[in-house]
PDB file of N, CA and C in Angstrom:
ATOM      1  N   UNK A   1      13.596  22.044   3.478  1.00  0.00           N
ATOM      2  CA  UNK A   1      12.470  21.695   4.519  1.00  0.00           C
ATOM      3  C   UNK A   1      13.166  22.052   6.047  1.00  0.00           C
ATOM      4  N   UNK A   2      12.159  22.927   6.806  1.00  0.00           N
ATOM      5  CA  UNK A   2      12.312  22.863   8.429  1.00  0.00           C
ATOM      6  C   UNK A   2      11.460  22.256   8.933  1.00  0.00           C
ATOM      7  N   UNK A   3      11.549  21.793  10.614  1.00  0.00           N
ATOM      8  CA  UNK A   3      10.602  21.511  11.122  1.00  0.00           C
ATOM      9  C   UNK A   3       9.336  21.764  11.107  1.00  0.00           C
ATOM     10  N   UNK A   4       9.313  22.999  10.759  1.00  0.00           N
ATOM     11  CA  UNK A   4       7.725  23.883  11.121  1.00  0.00           C
ATOM     12  C   UNK A   4       7.412  23.190   9.383  1.00  0.00           C
ATOM     13  N   UNK A   5       8.023  23.413   8.229  1.00  0.00           N
ATOM     14  CA  UNK A   5       7.353  23.021   6.728  1.00  0.00           C
ATOM     15  C   UNK A   5       6.928  21.354   7.088  1.00  0.00           C
ATOM     16  N   UNK A   6       7.650  20.388   7.768  1.00  0.00           N
ATOM     17  CA  UNK A   6       7.379  19.181   7.685  1.00  0.00           C
ATOM     18  C   UNK A   6       5.692  19.118   8.617  1.00  0.00           C
ATOM     19  N   UNK A   7       5.871  19.503  10.036  1.00  0.00           N
ATOM     20  CA  UNK A   7       4.503  19.899  10.644  1.00  0.00           C
ATOM     21  C   UNK A   7       3.572  20.342   9.718  1.00  0.00           C
ATOM     22  N   UNK A   8       3.629  21.216   9.034  1.00  0.00           N
ATOM     23  CA  UNK A   8       2.603  21.874   8.406  1.00  0.00           C
ATOM     24  C   UNK A   8       1.987  20.953   7.238  1.00  0.00           C
ATOM     25  N   UNK A   9       2.767  19.985   6.836  1.00  0.00           N
ATOM     26  CA  UNK A   9       2.936  19.567   5.616  1.00  0.00           C
ATOM     27  C   UNK A   9       1.832  18.085   6.424  1.00  0.00           C
ATOM     28  N   UNK A  10       2.246  17.545   7.830  1.00  0.00           N
ATOM     29  CA  UNK A  10       1.656  16.549   8.364  1.00  0.00           C
ATOM     30  C   UNK A  10       0.199  17.095   8.701  1.00  0.00           C
ATOM     31  N   UNK A  11      -0.005  17.996   9.053  1.00  0.00           N
ATOM     32  CA  UNK A  11      -1.515  18.889   9.457  1.00  0.00           C
ATOM     33  C   UNK A  11      -2.347  18.999   8.175  1.00  0.00           C
ATOM     34  N   UNK A  12      -1.264  19.380   7.222  1.00  0.00           N
ATOM     35  CA  UNK A  12      -2.440  19.363   5.758  1.00  0.00           C
ATOM     36  C   UNK A  12      -3.008  17.758   5.476  1.00  0.00           C
ATOM     37  N   UNK A  13      -1.840  16.696   5.488  1.00  0.00           N
ATOM     38  CA  UNK A  13      -2.127  15.401   5.249  1.00  0.00           C
ATOM     39  C   UNK A  13      -3.367  15.435   5.954  1.00  0.00           C
ATOM     40  N   UNK A  14      -3.365  15.076   7.338  1.00  0.00           N
ATOM     41  CA  UNK A  14      -4.602  14.910   8.221  1.00  0.00           C
ATOM     42  C   UNK A  14      -5.884  15.393   7.818  1.00  0.00           C
ATOM     43  N   UNK A  15      -6.006  16.788   7.881  1.00  0.00           N
ATOM     44  CA  UNK A  15      -6.968  17.511   7.204  1.00  0.00           C
ATOM     45  C   UNK A  15      -7.460  17.127   6.138  1.00  0.00           C
ATOM     46  N   UNK A  16      -6.818  16.932   5.098  1.00  0.00           N
ATOM     47  CA  UNK A  16      -7.229  16.741   3.669  1.00  0.00           C
ATOM     48  C   UNK A  16      -7.267  14.858   3.700  1.00  0.00           C
ATOM     49  N   UNK A  17      -7.418  14.271   4.183  1.00  0.00           N
ATOM     50  CA  UNK A  17      -7.797  12.561   4.045  1.00  0.00           C
ATOM     51  C   UNK A  17      -8.967  12.671   3.923  1.00  0.00           C
ATOM     52  N   UNK A  18      -9.433  11.874   2.861  1.00  0.00           N
ATOM     53  CA  UNK A  18     -10.413  11.424   2.568  1.00  0.00           C
ATOM     54  C   UNK A  18     -10.406   9.667   2.604  1.00  0.00           C
ATOM     55  N   UNK A  19     -11.893   9.037   2.761  1.00  0.00           N
ATOM     56  CA  UNK A  19     -11.618   7.833   2.588  1.00  0.00           C
ATOM     57  C   UNK A  19     -11.368   7.276   1.184  1.00  0.00           C
ATOM     58  N   UNK A  20     -10.293   6.270   1.441  1.00  0.00           N
ATOM     59  CA  UNK A  20     -10.094   5.749   0.077  1.00  0.00           C
ATOM     60  C   UNK A  20     -11.194   4.889  -0.692  1.00  0.00           C
ATOM     61  N   UNK A  21     -11.158   5.345  -2.099  1.00  0.00           N
ATOM     62  CA  UNK A  21     -12.136   4.603  -2.822  1.00  0.00           C
ATOM     63  C   UNK A  21     -11.537   3.428  -3.350  1.00  0.00           C
ATOM     64  N   UNK A  22     -11.995   2.220  -3.137  1.00  0.00           N
ATOM     65  CA  UNK A  22     -11.104   1.161  -3.470  1.00  0.00           C
ATOM     66  C   UNK A  22     -12.616   0.179  -4.374  1.00  0.00           C
ATOM     67  N   UNK A  23     -11.947   0.155  -5.332  1.00  0.00           N
ATOM     68  CA  UNK A  23     -13.072  -1.161  -6.356  1.00  0.00           C
ATOM     69  C   UNK A  23     -13.471  -2.369  -5.396  1.00  0.00           C
ATOM     70  N   UNK A  24     -14.478  -2.927  -5.133  1.00  0.00           N
ATOM     71  CA  UNK A  24     -14.879  -3.778  -4.442  1.00  0.00           C
ATOM     72  C   UNK A  24     -14.096  -5.121  -5.411  1.00  0.00           C
ATOM     73  N   UNK A  25     -13.704  -6.052  -4.752  1.00  0.00           N
ATOM     74  CA  UNK A  25     -13.104  -7.065  -5.529  1.00  0.00           C
ATOM     75  C   UNK A  25     -11.917  -7.386  -5.723  1.00  0.00           C
ATOM     76  N   UNK A  26     -11.121  -5.791  -5.270  1.00  0.00           N
ATOM     77  CA  UNK A  26      -9.691  -5.770  -5.897  1.00  0.00           C
ATOM     78  C   UNK A  26      -8.731  -6.038  -4.530  1.00  0.00           C
ATOM     79  N   UNK A  27      -9.196  -6.228  -3.591  1.00  0.00           N
ATOM     80  CA  UNK A  27      -8.316  -6.357  -2.407  1.00  0.00           C
ATOM     81  C   UNK A  27      -8.982  -7.803  -1.757  1.00  0.00           C
ATOM     82  N   UNK A  28      -8.075  -8.418  -0.946  1.00  0.00           N
ATOM     83  CA  UNK A  28      -8.645  -9.519   0.251  1.00  0.00           C
ATOM     84  C   UNK A  28      -9.247  -8.713   1.632  1.00  0.00           C
ATOM     85  N   UNK A  29      -9.627  -9.438   1.860  1.00  0.00           N
ATOM     86  CA  UNK A  29     -10.352  -9.132   3.369  1.00  0.00           C
ATOM     87  C   UNK A  29     -11.509  -8.138   3.326  1.00  0.00           C
ATOM     88  N   UNK A  30     -11.800  -7.461   4.327  1.00  0.00           N
ATOM     89  CA  UNK A  30     -12.836  -6.560   4.612  1.00  0.00           C
ATOM     90  C   UNK A  30     -12.587  -5.296   4.617  1.00  0.00           C
ATOM     91  N   UNK A  31     -12.942  -4.183   3.910  1.00  0.00           N
ATOM     92  CA  UNK A  31     -12.637  -3.126   3.518  1.00  0.00           C
ATOM     93  C   UNK A  31     -12.710  -2.272   5.027  1.00  0.00           C
ATOM     94  N   UNK A  32     -11.843  -1.003   5.178  1.00  0.00           N
ATOM     95  CA  UNK A  32     -12.168  -0.455   6.210  1.00  0.00           C
ATOM     96  C   UNK A  32     -13.193   0.528   6.261  1.00  0.00           C
ATOM     97  N   UNK A  33     -13.896   0.814   7.279  1.00  0.00           N
ATOM     98  CA  UNK A  33     -15.208   1.535   7.167  1.00  0.00           C
ATOM     99  C   UNK A  33     -14.412   3.264   7.801  1.00  0.00           C
ATOM    100  N   UNK A  34     -15.409   4.446   7.377  1.00  0.00           N
ATOM    101  CA  UNK A  34     -14.807   5.628   7.976  1.00  0.00           C
ATOM    102  C   UNK A  34     -14.481   5.802   9.447  1.00  0.00           C
ATOM    103  N   UNK A  35     -15.334   5.070  10.172  1.00  0.00           N
ATOM    104  CA  UNK A  35     -15.125   4.968  11.340  1.00  0.00           C
ATOM    105  C   UNK A  35     -13.970   4.708  12.129  1.00  0.00           C
ATOM    106  N   UNK A  36     -13.325   3.377  11.525  1.00  0.00           N
ATOM    107  CA  UNK A  36     -12.011   2.775  11.910  1.00  0.00           C
ATOM    108  C   UNK A  36     -10.828   3.433  11.270  1.00  0.00           C
ATOM    109  N   UNK A  37     -10.949   4.116  10.295  1.00  0.00           N
ATOM    110  CA  UNK A  37      -9.821   5.058   9.718  1.00  0.00           C
ATOM    111  C   UNK A  37      -9.877   6.336  10.597  1.00  0.00           C
ATOM    112  N   UNK A  38     -10.911   6.898  11.519  1.00  0.00           N
ATOM    113  CA  UNK A  38     -11.210   8.110  12.321  1.00  0.00           C
ATOM    114  C   UNK A  38     -10.285   7.782  13.465  1.00  0.00           C
ATOM    115  N   UNK A  39     -11.012   6.421  13.808  1.00  0.00           N
ATOM    116  CA  UNK A  39     -10.134   5.920  15.018  1.00  0.00           C
ATOM    117  C   UNK A  39      -8.831   6.003  14.869  1.00  0.00           C
ATOM    118  N   UNK A  40      -8.235   5.721  13.760  1.00  0.00           N
ATOM    119  CA  UNK A  40      -6.609   5.641  13.716  1.00  0.00           C
ATOM    120  C   UNK A  40      -6.279   7.021  13.442  1.00  0.00           C
ATOM    121  N   UNK A  41      -6.790   7.867  12.970  1.00  0.00           N
ATOM    122  CA  UNK A  41      -6.341   9.078  13.092  1.00  0.00           C
ATOM    123  C   UNK A  41      -6.056  10.112  14.421  1.00  0.00           C
ATOM    124  N   UNK A  42      -7.370   9.825  15.012  1.00  0.00           N
ATOM    125  CA  UNK A  42      -7.355  10.181  16.478  1.00  0.00           C
ATOM    126  C   UNK A  42      -5.923   9.681  16.969  1.00  0.00           C
ATOM    127  N   UNK A  43      -5.638   8.049  16.853  1.00  0.00           N
ATOM    128  CA  UNK A  43      -4.364   7.691  17.397  1.00  0.00           C
ATOM    129  C   UNK A  43      -2.950   8.349  16.848  1.00  0.00           C
ATOM    130  N   UNK A  44      -3.260   8.350  15.554  1.00  0.00           N
ATOM    131  CA  UNK A  44      -2.078   9.404  14.917  1.00  0.00           C
ATOM    132  C   UNK A  44      -1.652  10.795  15.346  1.00  0.00           C
ATOM    133  N   UNK A  45      -2.951  11.421  15.823  1.00  0.00           N
ATOM    134  CA  UNK A  45      -2.686  12.741  16.462  1.00  0.00           C
ATOM    135  C   UNK A  45      -1.701  12.570  17.859  1.00  0.00           C
ATOM    136  N   UNK A  46      -1.918  11.829  18.430  1.00  0.00           N
ATOM    137  CA  UNK A  46      -1.471  11.328  19.724  1.00  0.00           C
ATOM    138  C   UNK A  46      -0.342  11.117  19.618  1.00  0.00           C
ATOM    139  N   UNK A  47       0.357  10.570  18.355  1.00  0.00           N
ATOM    140  CA  UNK A  47       1.784  10.006  18.168  1.00  0.00           C
ATOM    141  C   UNK A  47       2.688  10.804  17.243  1.00  0.00           C
ATOM    142  N   UNK A  48       1.807  12.315  16.781  1.00  0.00           N
ATOM    143  CA  UNK A  48       2.832  13.078  16.245  1.00  0.00           C
ATOM    144  C   UNK A  48       4.021  13.753  17.237  1.00  0.00           C
ATOM    145  N   UNK A  49       5.137  13.623  17.024  1.00  0.00           N
ATOM    146  CA  UNK A  49       6.119  14.416  17.499  1.00  0.00           C
ATOM    147  C   UNK A  49       6.758  15.693  16.456  1.00  0.00           C
ATOM    148  N   UNK A  50       7.375  16.569  17.538  1.00  0.00           N
ATOM    149  CA  UNK A  50       8.160  17.796  16.633  1.00  0.00           C
ATOM    150  C   UNK A  50       9.166  17.002  15.578  1.00  0.00           C
ATOM    151  N   UNK A  51       8.581  16.851  14.195  1.00  0.00           N
ATOM    152  CA  UNK A  51       9.734  16.390  13.368  1.00  0.00           C
ATOM    153  C   UNK A  51      11.253  17.042  13.539  1.00  0.00           C
ATOM    154  N   UNK A  52      11.691  15.713  13.460  1.00  0.00           N
ATOM    155  CA  UNK A  52      13.362  15.693  13.233  1.00  0.00           C
ATOM    156  C   UNK A  52      14.070  15.188  12.238  1.00  0.00           C
ATOM    157  N   UNK A  53      14.978  14.968  12.086  1.00  0.00           N
ATOM    158  CA  UNK A  53      15.787  14.374  10.890  1.00  0.00           C
ATOM    159  C   UNK A  53      16.603  12.985  11.940  1.00  0.00           C
ATOM    160  N   UNK A  54      16.213  11.686  11.184  1.00  0.00           N
ATOM    161  CA  UNK A  54      16.961  10.808  11.914  1.00  0.00           C
ATOM    162  C   UNK A  54      17.416   9.715  10.809  1.00  0.00           C
ATOM    163  N   UNK A  55      18.572   9.106  11.068  1.00  0.00           N
ATOM    164  CA  UNK A  55      19.014   8.339  10.023  1.00  0.00           C
ATOM    165  C   UNK A  55      18.512   6.789  10.165  1.00  0.00           C
ATOM    166  N   UNK A  56      18.325   6.283   9.004  1.00  0.00           N
ATOM    167  CA  UNK A  56      17.342   4.967   9.067  1.00  0.00           C
ATOM    168  C   UNK A  56      18.291   4.164   8.279  1.00  0.00           C
ATOM    169  N   UNK A  57      17.997   2.907   8.680  1.00  0.00           N
ATOM    170  CA  UNK A  57      18.581   1.607   7.702  1.00  0.00           C
ATOM    171  C   UNK A  57      17.431   1.225   6.868  1.00  0.00           C
ATOM    172  N   UNK A  58      18.099   1.032   5.306  1.00  0.00           N
ATOM    173  CA  UNK A  58      16.566   0.706   4.631  1.00  0.00           C
ATOM    174  C   UNK A  58      16.583  -0.728   4.707  1.00  0.00           C
ATOM    175  N   UNK A  59      16.058  -1.366   5.210  1.00  0.00           N
ATOM    176  CA  UNK A  59      15.760  -2.811   5.028  1.00  0.00           C
ATOM    177  C   UNK A  59      15.208  -3.495   4.089  1.00  0.00           C
ATOM    178  N   UNK A  60      14.439  -2.804   3.060  1.00  0.00           N
ATOM    179  CA  UNK A  60      13.583  -2.967   1.995  1.00  0.00           C
ATOM    180  C   UNK A  60      14.999  -3.019   1.108  1.00  0.00           C
ATOM    181  N   UNK A  61      15.952  -2.504   1.310  1.00  0.00           N
ATOM    182  CA  UNK A  61      16.812  -2.329   0.192  1.00  0.00           C
ATOM    183  C   UNK A  61      17.729  -3.572   0.028  1.00  0.00           C
ATOM    184  N   UNK A  62      18.025  -3.823   1.672  1.00  0.00           N
ATOM    185  CA  UNK A  62      18.783  -4.877   1.863  1.00  0.00           C
ATOM    186  C   UNK A  62      18.601  -6.183   1.153  1.00  0.00           C
ATOM    187  N   UNK A  63      17.253  -6.271   1.134  1.00  0.00           N
ATOM    188  CA  UNK A  63      16.794  -7.826   0.629  1.00  0.00           C
ATOM    189  C   UNK A  63      17.529  -8.125  -0.586  1.00  0.00           C
ATOM    190  N   UNK A  64      17.640  -7.000  -1.817  1.00  0.00           N
ATOM    191  CA  UNK A  64      18.452  -7.918  -2.725  1.00  0.00           C
ATOM    192  C   UNK A  64      19.620  -7.378  -2.784  1.00  0.00           C
ATOM    193  N   UNK A  65      20.435  -7.206  -1.375  1.00  0.00           N
ATOM    194  CA  UNK A  65      22.020  -6.671  -2.066  1.00  0.00           C
ATOM    195  C   UNK A  65      22.525  -6.986  -0.472  1.00  0.00           C
ATOM    196  N   UNK A  66      23.880  -6.993  -0.320  1.00  0.00           N
ATOM    197  CA  UNK A  66      24.365  -7.213   0.912  1.00  0.00           C
ATOM    198  C   UNK A  66      24.955  -5.806   1.271  1.00  0.00           C
ATOM    199  N   UNK A  67      24.883  -4.937   0.724  1.00  0.00           N
ATOM    200  CA  UNK A  67      25.194  -3.452   1.022  1.00  0.00           C
ATOM    201  C   UNK A  67      24.113  -3.149   1.943  1.00  0.00           C
ATOM    202  N   UNK A  68      24.728  -2.280   3.133  1.00  0.00           N
ATOM    203  CA  UNK A  68      23.720  -1.623   4.135  1.00  0.00           C
ATOM    204  C   UNK A  68      23.175  -0.114   3.320  1.00  0.00           C
ATOM    205  N   UNK A  69      22.139  -0.223   3.164  1.00  0.00           N
ATOM    206  CA  UNK A  69      21.681   1.004   2.864  1.00  0.00           C
ATOM    207  C   UNK A  69      21.084   1.943   4.015  1.00  0.00           C
ATOM    208  N   UNK A  70      21.178   3.284   3.722  1.00  0.00           N
ATOM    209  CA  UNK A  70      20.780   4.089   4.882  1.00  0.00           C
ATOM    210  C   UNK A  70      20.233   5.298   4.264  1.00  0.00           C
ATOM    211  N   UNK A  71      19.317   6.308   4.754  1.00  0.00           N
ATOM    212  CA  UNK A  71      18.986   7.590   4.385  1.00  0.00           C
ATOM    213  C   UNK A  71      18.226   8.177   5.594  1.00  0.00           C
ATOM    214  N   UNK A  72      18.310   9.418   5.578  1.00  0.00           N
ATOM    215  CA  UNK A  72      17.768  10.444   6.433  1.00  0.00           C
ATOM    216  C   UNK A  72      16.461  10.945   6.128  1.00  0.00           C
ATOM    217  N   UNK A  73      15.488  10.616   7.030  1.00  0.00           N
ATOM    218  CA  UNK A  73      14.197  10.980   6.895  1.00  0.00           C
ATOM    219  C   UNK A  73      13.868  11.824   8.225  1.00  0.00           C
ATOM    220  N   UNK A  74      12.440  12.841   8.057  1.00  0.00           N
ATOM    221  CA  UNK A  74      12.024  13.065   9.047  1.00  0.00           C
ATOM    222  C   UNK A  74      11.213  12.485   9.818  1.00  0.00           C
ATOM    223  N   UNK A  75      11.349  12.060  11.173  1.00  0.00           N
ATOM    224  CA  UNK A  75      10.315  11.492  11.675  1.00  0.00           C
ATOM    225  C   UNK A  75       9.284  12.361  12.161  1.00  0.00           C
ATOM    226  N   UNK A  76       7.984  11.963  12.016  1.00  0.00           N
ATOM    227  CA  UNK A  76       6.931  12.906  12.494  1.00  0.00           C
ATOM    228  C   UNK A  76       5.694  11.883  12.970  1.00  0.00           C
ATOM    229  N   UNK A  77       6.283  10.741  13.851  1.00  0.00           N
ATOM    230  CA  UNK A  77       5.259  10.213  14.474  1.00  0.00           C
ATOM    231  C   UNK A  77       5.862   8.995  15.146  1.00  0.00           C
ATOM    232  N   UNK A  78       5.468   8.497  16.600  1.00  0.00           N
ATOM    233  CA  UNK A  78       6.266   7.342  17.230  1.00  0.00           C
ATOM    234  C   UNK A  78       5.147   6.851  18.103  1.00  0.00           C
ATOM    235  N   UNK A  79       4.925   5.582  17.840  1.00  0.00           N
ATOM    236  CA  UNK A  79       4.148   4.924  18.561  1.00  0.00           C
ATOM    237  C   UNK A  79       4.476   3.560  19.165  1.00  0.00           C
ATOM    238  N   UNK A  80       5.083   3.317  20.569  1.00  0.00           N
ATOM    239  CA  UNK A  80       5.775   2.438  20.640  1.00  0.00           C
ATOM    240  C   UNK A  80       6.891   2.369  20.030  1.00  0.00           C
ATOM    241  N   UNK A  81       7.245   0.913  19.543  1.00  0.00           N
ATOM    242  CA  UNK A  81       8.645   1.021  18.828  1.00  0.00           C
ATOM    243  C   UNK A  81       8.643   1.118  17.487  1.00  0.00           C
ATOM    244  N   UNK A  82       7.359   1.957  17.006  1.00  0.00           N
ATOM    245  CA  UNK A  82       7.200   2.118  15.456  1.00  0.00           C
ATOM    246  C   UNK A  82       7.237   3.624  15.222  1.00  0.00           C
ATOM    247  N   UNK A  83       8.419   3.709  14.149  1.00  0.00           N
ATOM    248  CA  UNK A  83       8.417   5.231  13.941  1.00  0.00           C
ATOM    249  C   UNK A  83       7.681   5.622  12.415  1.00  0.00           C
ATOM    250  N   UNK A  84       6.782   6.708  11.966  1.00  0.00           N
ATOM    251  CA  UNK A  84       6.662   7.269  10.904  1.00  0.00           C
ATOM    252  C   UNK A  84       7.200   8.483  10.393  1.00  0.00           C
ATOM    253  N   UNK A  85       8.037   8.155   9.301  1.00  0.00           N
ATOM    254  CA  UNK A  85       8.842   9.146   8.852  1.00  0.00           C
ATOM    255  C   UNK A  85       8.560   9.398   7.391  1.00  0.00           C
ATOM    256  N   UNK A  86       8.973  10.615   7.082  1.00  0.00           N
ATOM    257  CA  UNK A  86       8.806  11.770   5.983  1.00  0.00           C
ATOM    258  C   UNK A  86       9.699  11.653   5.257  1.00  0.00           C
ATOM    259  N   UNK A  87      10.298  11.292   3.508  1.00  0.00           N
ATOM    260  CA  UNK A  87      11.093  11.257   3.150  1.00  0.00           C
ATOM    261  C   UNK A  87      11.139  12.693   2.101  1.00  0.00           C
ATOM    262  N   UNK A  88      11.467  13.740   2.398  1.00  0.00           N
ATOM    263  CA  UNK A  88      11.285  14.800   1.335  1.00  0.00           C
ATOM    264  C   UNK A  88      11.614  14.962  -0.043  1.00  0.00           C
ATOM    265  N   UNK A  89      12.807  14.157  -0.216  1.00  0.00           N
ATOM    266  CA  UNK A  89      13.086  14.019  -1.880  1.00  0.00           C
ATOM    267  C   UNK A  89      12.101  13.338  -2.449  1.00  0.00           C
ATOM    268  N   UNK A  90      11.260  12.003  -2.182  1.00  0.00           N
ATOM    269  CA  UNK A  90      10.258  11.327  -2.711  1.00  0.00           C
ATOM    270  C   UNK A  90       8.588  12.041  -2.473  1.00  0.00           C
ATOM    271  N   UNK A  91       8.808  12.706  -1.302  1.00  0.00           N
ATOM    272  CA  UNK A  91       7.312  13.232  -0.928  1.00  0.00           C
ATOM    273  C   UNK A  91       6.718  12.105  -0.381  1.00  0.00           C
ATOM    274  N   UNK A  92       7.096  10.653   0.275  1.00  0.00           N
ATOM    275  CA  UNK A  92       6.096  10.144   0.680  1.00  0.00           C
ATOM    276  C   UNK A  92       6.417   9.695   2.358  1.00  0.00           C
ATOM    277  N   UNK A  93       5.663   9.155   3.015  1.00  0.00           N
ATOM    278  CA  UNK A  93       5.869   8.864   4.178  1.00  0.00           C
ATOM    279  C   UNK A  93       6.209   7.159   4.421  1.00  0.00           C
ATOM    280  N   UNK A  94       7.118   6.591   5.502  1.00  0.00           N
ATOM    281  CA  UNK A  94       6.857   5.248   5.572  1.00  0.00           C
ATOM    282  C   UNK A  94       6.769   4.815   7.261  1.00  0.00           C
ATOM    283  N   UNK A  95       7.048   3.669   7.168  1.00  0.00           N
ATOM    284  CA  UNK A  95       7.268   2.805   8.668  1.00  0.00           C
ATOM    285  C   UNK A  95       8.593   2.154   8.609  1.00  0.00           C
ATOM    286  N   UNK A  96       8.727   2.523  10.096  1.00  0.00           N
ATOM    287  CA  UNK A  96      10.134   1.894  10.693  1.00  0.00           C
ATOM    288  C   UNK A  96      10.029   1.444  11.775  1.00  0.00           C
ATOM    289  N   UNK A  97      10.803   0.315  11.993  1.00  0.00           N
ATOM    290  CA  UNK A  97      11.073  -0.175  13.444  1.00  0.00           C
ATOM    291  C   UNK A  97      11.801   0.497  14.345  1.00  0.00           C
ATOM    292  N   UNK A  98      11.905   0.867  15.285  1.00  0.00           N
ATOM    293  CA  UNK A  98      13.232   1.535  16.345  1.00  0.00           C
ATOM    294  C   UNK A  98      13.264   0.261  17.279  1.00  0.00           C
ATOM    295  N   UNK A  99      13.148  -0.994  17.363  1.00  0.00           N
ATOM    296  CA  UNK A  99      13.613  -1.827  18.469  1.00  0.00           C
ATOM    297  C   UNK A  99      15.123  -2.317  18.352  1.00  0.00           C
ATOM    298  N   UNK A 100      15.936  -2.306  19.382  1.00  0.00           N
ATOM    299  CA  UNK A 100      17.055  -2.198  19.358  1.00  0.00           C
ATOM    300  C   UNK A 100      17.963  -1.131  19.621  1.00  0.00           C
ATOM    301  N   UNK A 101      19.315  -1.398  19.769  1.00  0.00           N
ATOM    302  CA  UNK A 101      20.253  -0.128  20.349  1.00  0.00           C
ATOM    303  C   UNK A 101      20.745   0.431  18.985  1.00  0.00           C
ATOM    304  N   UNK A 102      20.354  -0.374  17.647  1.00  0.00           N
ATOM    305  CA  UNK A 102      21.058   0.118  16.394  1.00  0.00           C
ATOM    306  C   UNK A 102      19.746   1.398  15.561  1.00  0.00           C
ATOM    307  N   UNK A 103      20.386   1.625  14.548  1.00  0.00           N
ATOM    308  CA  UNK A 103      19.430   2.636  13.697  1.00  0.00           C
ATOM    309  C   UNK A 103      18.080   2.193  13.572  1.00  0.00           C
ATOM    310  N   UNK A 104      16.877   3.177  13.596  1.00  0.00           N
ATOM    311  CA  UNK A 104      15.571   2.152  13.346  1.00  0.00           C
ATOM    312  C   UNK A 104      16.055   1.786  11.764  1.00  0.00           C
ATOM    313  N   UNK A 105      15.035   0.783  11.784  1.00  0.00           N
ATOM    314  CA  UNK A 105      14.735   0.179   9.972  1.00  0.00           C
ATOM    315  C   UNK A 105      13.827   0.067   9.432  1.00  0.00           C
ATOM    316  N   UNK A 106      13.617   0.959   8.224  1.00  0.00           N
ATOM    317  CA  UNK A 106      12.437   1.149   7.243  1.00  0.00           C
ATOM    318  C   UNK A 106      12.128  -0.254   6.817  1.00  0.00           C
ATOM    319  N   UNK A 107      10.980  -0.446   7.132  1.00  0.00           N
ATOM    320  CA  UNK A 107      10.372  -1.845   6.631  1.00  0.00           C
ATOM    321  C   UNK A 107      10.195  -1.976   5.400  1.00  0.00           C
ATOM    322  N   UNK A 108       9.844  -0.943   4.495  1.00  0.00           N
ATOM    323  CA  UNK A 108       9.228  -0.816   3.224  1.00  0.00           C
ATOM    324  C   UNK A 108       7.863  -0.835   2.800  1.00  0.00           C
ATOM    325  N   UNK A 109       7.146  -0.125   3.943  1.00  0.00           N
ATOM    326  CA  UNK A 109       5.607   0.496   3.929  1.00  0.00           C
ATOM    327  C   UNK A 109       5.992   1.800   3.415  1.00  0.00           C
ATOM    328  N   UNK A 110       5.474   1.869   2.440  1.00  0.00           N
ATOM    329  CA  UNK A 110       5.438   3.806   1.943  1.00  0.00           C
ATOM    330  C   UNK A 110       4.254   4.091   1.374  1.00  0.00           C
ATOM    331  N   UNK A 111       4.113   4.924   1.344  1.00  0.00           N
ATOM    332  CA  UNK A 111       2.329   5.450   1.009  1.00  0.00           C
ATOM    333  C   UNK A 111       2.299   7.047   1.937  1.00  0.00           C
ATOM    334  N   UNK A 112       0.720   7.180   1.445  1.00  0.00           N
ATOM    335  CA  UNK A 112       0.010   8.523   2.065  1.00  0.00           C
ATOM    336  C   UNK A 112       0.570   8.471   3.859  1.00  0.00           C
ATOM    337  N   UNK A 113       0.425   9.348   4.623  1.00  0.00           N
ATOM    338  CA  UNK A 113       0.388   9.499   6.194  1.00  0.00           C
ATOM    339  C   UNK A 113      -0.552   8.624   6.663  1.00  0.00           C
ATOM    340  N   UNK A 114      -1.592   8.764   6.461  1.00  0.00           N
ATOM    341  CA  UNK A 114      -2.767   7.954   7.477  1.00  0.00           C
ATOM    342  C   UNK A 114      -2.572   6.423   6.728  1.00  0.00           C
ATOM    343  N   UNK A 115      -2.447   5.973   5.543  1.00  0.00           N
ATOM    344  CA  UNK A 115      -2.393   4.636   5.062  1.00  0.00           C
ATOM    345  C   UNK A 115      -1.139   3.965   5.651  1.00  0.00           C
ATOM    346  N   UNK A 116      -0.039   4.925   5.999  1.00  0.00           N
ATOM    347  CA  UNK A 116       1.239   4.120   6.417  1.00  0.00           C
ATOM    348  C   UNK A 116       0.737   4.106   7.890  1.00  0.00           C
ATOM    349  N   UNK A 117       0.215   5.158   8.453  1.00  0.00           N
ATOM    350  CA  UNK A 117       0.192   4.996  10.265  1.00  0.00           C
ATOM    351  C   UNK A 117      -0.801   3.667  10.193  1.00  0.00           C
ATOM    352  N   UNK A 118      -1.916   3.485   9.592  1.00  0.00           N
ATOM    353  CA  UNK A 118      -2.615   2.558   9.590  1.00  0.00           C
ATOM    354  C   UNK A 118      -2.250   0.919   9.067  1.00  0.00           C
ATOM    355  N   UNK A 119      -1.389   0.880   8.866  1.00  0.00           N
ATOM    356  CA  UNK A 119      -0.357  -0.417   8.637  1.00  0.00           C
ATOM    357  C   UNK A 119       0.615  -0.787   9.500  1.00  0.00           C
ATOM    358  N   UNK A 120       0.682  -0.066  10.529  1.00  0.00           N
ATOM    359  CA  UNK A 120       1.884  -0.350  11.434  1.00  0.00           C
ATOM    360  C   UNK A 120       1.321  -1.408  12.757  1.00  0.00           C
TER     361      UNK A 120
END
């Protein structure tokens, strides 16, 4: 993939987003309404960057082993010390913490672009 391919994918993800249909009683807490999601999508748009490849430490993989796992993903959005990335091999987005001088750490939040961004 090229940065342009990833940028087009991100644009489609945002344009095609629909309010999740979640069965009542299947989650804890109060479900978000569309207005709250739309506000987050507006913030997502301001956080978008020109996609670039970045090496990440996979923190979720290190929980079960002492070995350091790394992967290269596309950074698609940055907000504060949080990065949203895209894994082209698995076709999913994820969340990472960029704090510190070391590589950013993927923290195990994965899924669709809007859902991942809202989880930050």
